[in-house]
Protein backbone atom coordinates (compact mmCIF):
# COMPACT_ATOMS: atom_id res chain seq x y z
CA MET A 1 -108.07 142.20 -43.41
CA ASP A 2 -106.83 143.68 -40.14
CA ILE A 3 -104.97 141.20 -37.93
CA SER A 4 -106.14 142.91 -34.74
CA SER A 5 -109.70 141.84 -35.54
CA ARG A 6 -108.53 138.21 -35.26
CA VAL A 7 -106.87 138.59 -31.84
CA PRO A 8 -109.26 137.64 -29.02
CA LYS A 9 -110.37 140.52 -26.81
CA TRP A 10 -109.51 140.75 -23.13
CA GLY A 11 -113.01 139.53 -22.23
CA GLN A 12 -112.29 136.30 -24.13
CA LEU A 13 -108.72 135.87 -22.89
CA LEU A 14 -109.47 136.40 -19.20
CA PRO A 15 -111.71 133.33 -18.66
CA VAL A 16 -109.40 131.07 -20.65
CA TYR A 17 -106.36 132.31 -18.75
CA GLY A 18 -108.31 131.67 -15.53
CA VAL A 19 -108.77 128.02 -16.49
CA ILE A 20 -105.08 127.73 -17.34
CA VAL A 21 -104.11 129.33 -14.04
CA LEU A 22 -106.47 127.05 -12.13
CA LEU A 23 -104.84 123.96 -13.59
CA VAL A 24 -101.18 125.03 -13.71
CA TYR A 25 -100.97 126.81 -10.35
CA GLY A 26 -103.20 124.19 -8.73
CA TRP A 27 -100.91 121.40 -9.91
CA THR A 28 -97.85 123.17 -8.52
CA LEU A 29 -99.58 123.98 -5.24
CA TYR A 30 -100.60 120.34 -4.87
CA TRP A 31 -97.00 119.16 -5.29
CA PHE A 32 -95.60 121.96 -3.15
CA LEU A 33 -97.91 121.04 -0.27
CA TRP A 34 -97.09 117.37 -0.79
CA LYS A 35 -93.34 118.02 -0.37
CA PHE A 36 -93.59 120.80 2.23
CA PRO A 37 -93.60 118.64 5.39
CA SER A 38 -90.40 116.83 4.39
CA TRP A 39 -88.70 120.09 3.38
CA LEU A 40 -89.17 121.37 6.92
CA TYR A 41 -86.56 118.85 8.08
CA PHE A 42 -83.70 120.07 5.88
CA LEU A 43 -84.60 123.48 4.39
CA THR A 44 -85.02 126.84 6.03
CA ILE A 45 -88.26 128.78 5.62
CA GLY A 46 -86.39 131.21 3.34
CA GLU A 47 -85.27 128.37 1.07
CA ILE A 48 -88.79 126.96 0.97
CA LEU A 49 -90.23 130.36 0.08
CA ALA A 50 -87.53 130.77 -2.59
CA ALA A 51 -88.52 127.42 -4.10
CA LEU A 52 -92.17 128.49 -4.05
CA SER A 53 -91.26 131.82 -5.69
CA TYR A 54 -89.35 130.11 -8.49
CA SER A 55 -92.28 127.73 -9.01
CA ILE A 56 -94.79 130.58 -9.19
CA VAL A 57 -92.68 132.53 -11.70
CA THR A 58 -92.32 129.36 -13.78
CA ASN A 59 -96.09 128.85 -13.60
CA PHE A 60 -96.66 132.40 -14.79
CA LEU A 61 -94.42 131.88 -17.83
CA GLU A 62 -95.98 128.47 -18.55
CA SER A 63 -99.48 129.93 -18.34
CA ILE A 64 -98.61 132.70 -20.79
CA ALA A 65 -97.09 130.12 -23.16
CA VAL A 66 -100.18 127.91 -22.96
CA LEU A 67 -102.43 130.91 -23.65
CA ALA A 68 -100.28 131.94 -26.61
CA LEU A 69 -101.00 128.67 -28.45
CA PRO A 70 -104.78 129.18 -28.85
CA VAL A 71 -104.22 132.85 -29.67
CA MET A 72 -101.95 131.75 -32.52
CA LEU A 73 -104.61 129.24 -33.61
CA SER A 74 -107.14 132.06 -33.61
CA LEU A 75 -104.89 134.00 -35.95
CA ALA A 76 -104.20 131.03 -38.23
CA LEU A 77 -107.64 129.43 -38.52
CA PRO A 78 -110.65 130.95 -40.25
CA LYS A 79 -112.59 133.29 -37.97
CA LYS A 80 -115.76 131.18 -38.09
CA TRP A 81 -113.94 128.02 -36.97
CA PHE A 82 -112.24 129.26 -33.85
CA PHE A 83 -112.52 132.96 -33.07
CA GLU A 84 -116.30 133.10 -32.71
CA VAL A 85 -116.34 130.41 -30.01
CA PHE A 86 -112.86 131.11 -28.63
CA VAL A 87 -113.63 130.66 -24.93
CA ALA A 88 -115.43 127.33 -25.27
CA ARG A 89 -113.10 125.77 -27.82
CA THR A 90 -109.95 126.93 -26.07
CA THR A 91 -111.20 125.66 -22.72
CA ALA A 92 -112.07 122.37 -24.42
CA MET A 93 -108.49 122.16 -25.67
CA VAL A 94 -106.68 123.44 -22.59
CA VAL A 95 -108.30 121.23 -19.94
CA PRO A 96 -107.62 117.83 -21.54
CA GLY A 97 -104.28 119.04 -22.95
CA LEU A 98 -102.95 120.11 -19.56
CA ALA A 99 -104.45 117.01 -17.93
CA PHE A 100 -102.55 114.85 -20.44
CA MET A 101 -99.34 116.73 -19.68
CA MET A 102 -99.90 116.16 -15.95
CA TYR A 103 -100.50 112.48 -16.63
CA ILE A 104 -97.25 112.24 -18.58
CA ALA A 105 -95.39 114.02 -15.77
CA MET A 106 -96.74 111.46 -13.29
CA GLN A 107 -95.50 108.53 -15.35
CA PHE A 108 -91.79 108.96 -14.77
CA GLN A 109 -89.54 109.85 -11.88
CA THR A 110 -86.12 109.29 -13.45
CA ARG A 111 -84.63 109.61 -16.92
CA ASP A 112 -84.86 105.82 -17.35
CA ASP A 113 -88.61 105.87 -16.75
CA TYR A 114 -89.34 108.20 -19.66
CA PRO A 115 -92.68 107.07 -21.14
CA ARG A 116 -91.71 106.52 -24.77
CA GLU A 117 -94.82 104.44 -25.41
CA LEU A 118 -97.03 107.15 -23.97
CA ILE A 119 -95.39 109.83 -26.09
CA LYS A 120 -96.18 107.77 -29.20
CA TRP A 121 -99.86 108.26 -28.36
CA SER A 122 -99.52 112.05 -28.24
CA PRO A 123 -100.65 112.64 -31.86
CA MET A 124 -103.77 110.56 -31.24
CA VAL A 125 -104.48 112.50 -28.04
CA ALA A 126 -104.00 115.77 -29.93
CA LEU A 127 -106.49 114.63 -32.59
CA GLY A 128 -108.93 113.63 -29.86
CA ILE A 129 -108.61 117.02 -28.19
CA ALA A 130 -109.11 118.76 -31.54
CA GLY A 131 -112.20 116.63 -32.18
CA PHE A 132 -113.55 117.46 -28.73
CA ALA A 133 -112.98 121.18 -29.36
CA PHE A 134 -114.83 120.88 -32.67
CA LEU A 135 -117.71 119.06 -30.94
CA ILE A 136 -117.95 121.79 -28.32
CA GLY A 137 -118.68 124.36 -31.02
CA GLN A 138 -121.48 122.20 -32.40
CA VAL A 139 -123.32 121.42 -29.14
CA PRO A 140 -124.69 124.60 -27.54
CA THR A 141 -125.24 123.02 -24.11
CA LEU A 142 -121.63 121.86 -23.85
CA ARG A 143 -120.40 125.19 -25.16
CA LYS A 144 -122.37 127.11 -22.55
CA ALA A 145 -121.18 124.77 -19.78
CA LEU A 146 -117.53 125.32 -20.69
CA GLU A 147 -118.04 129.06 -21.01
CA PHE A 148 -119.66 129.05 -17.56
CA LEU A 149 -116.72 127.11 -16.10
CA ALA A 150 -114.21 129.45 -17.72
CA ASP A 151 -116.11 132.50 -16.55
CA ARG A 152 -116.01 131.25 -12.95
CA ALA A 153 -112.31 130.41 -13.20
CA ALA A 154 -111.49 134.01 -14.15
CA ILE A 155 -111.29 134.89 -10.45
CA PHE A 156 -108.01 132.98 -10.27
CA VAL A 157 -106.42 135.53 -12.61
CA TYR A 158 -106.94 138.22 -10.01
CA LEU A 159 -105.16 136.05 -7.45
CA SER A 160 -102.36 134.80 -9.68
CA ILE A 161 -101.18 138.09 -11.19
CA PRO A 162 -100.31 139.80 -7.86
CA LEU A 163 -98.89 136.56 -6.50
CA SER A 164 -96.77 136.14 -9.62
CA LEU A 165 -95.51 139.74 -9.42
CA VAL A 166 -94.49 139.29 -5.76
CA ALA A 167 -92.76 136.02 -6.66
CA LEU A 168 -91.00 137.68 -9.60
CA ILE A 169 -89.74 140.46 -7.34
CA ALA A 170 -88.51 137.86 -4.84
CA VAL A 171 -86.70 135.89 -7.57
CA LEU A 172 -85.11 139.02 -9.02
CA ALA A 173 -84.04 140.18 -5.55
CA ARG A 174 -82.54 136.78 -4.88
CA LEU A 175 -80.62 136.89 -8.16
CA ILE A 176 -79.37 140.46 -7.62
CA PHE A 177 -78.42 140.23 -3.95
């Protein structure tokens, strides 16, 4: 069996990546705008833009890493289980998974506040997400709703790629010069 037949096509990856971009870049933009007014008191505009550039490049790498996980699942699991409903099942896994990661990030501000109890629940959350993804494949209405959401989120890919490339150039220029 050819492995390339198990890799999702661009038309399947684009909507899922759009959902990932929506959540990851949106989260960073929220926190950037939250901190921006206070940064104006002690940072120059160049330093603020540098911080934004580093954040965007980090978001790009995080988004690629998050997308790589379901692609690997698509390669590992039987085609009927995951590949045939890739967009819906991956969206069903990515949205609650990233939301849980955001929730964990909100729970601690210092090293002493690390949420050990919350981390203990991670396997249960992972099983819940997997169950939800399985359910999505079984209920056509939910599957179509998630595919619709992912299809609409694909527009964010066309915004994030150029923005990420500009940020990458800015970061590289800052490192070189």
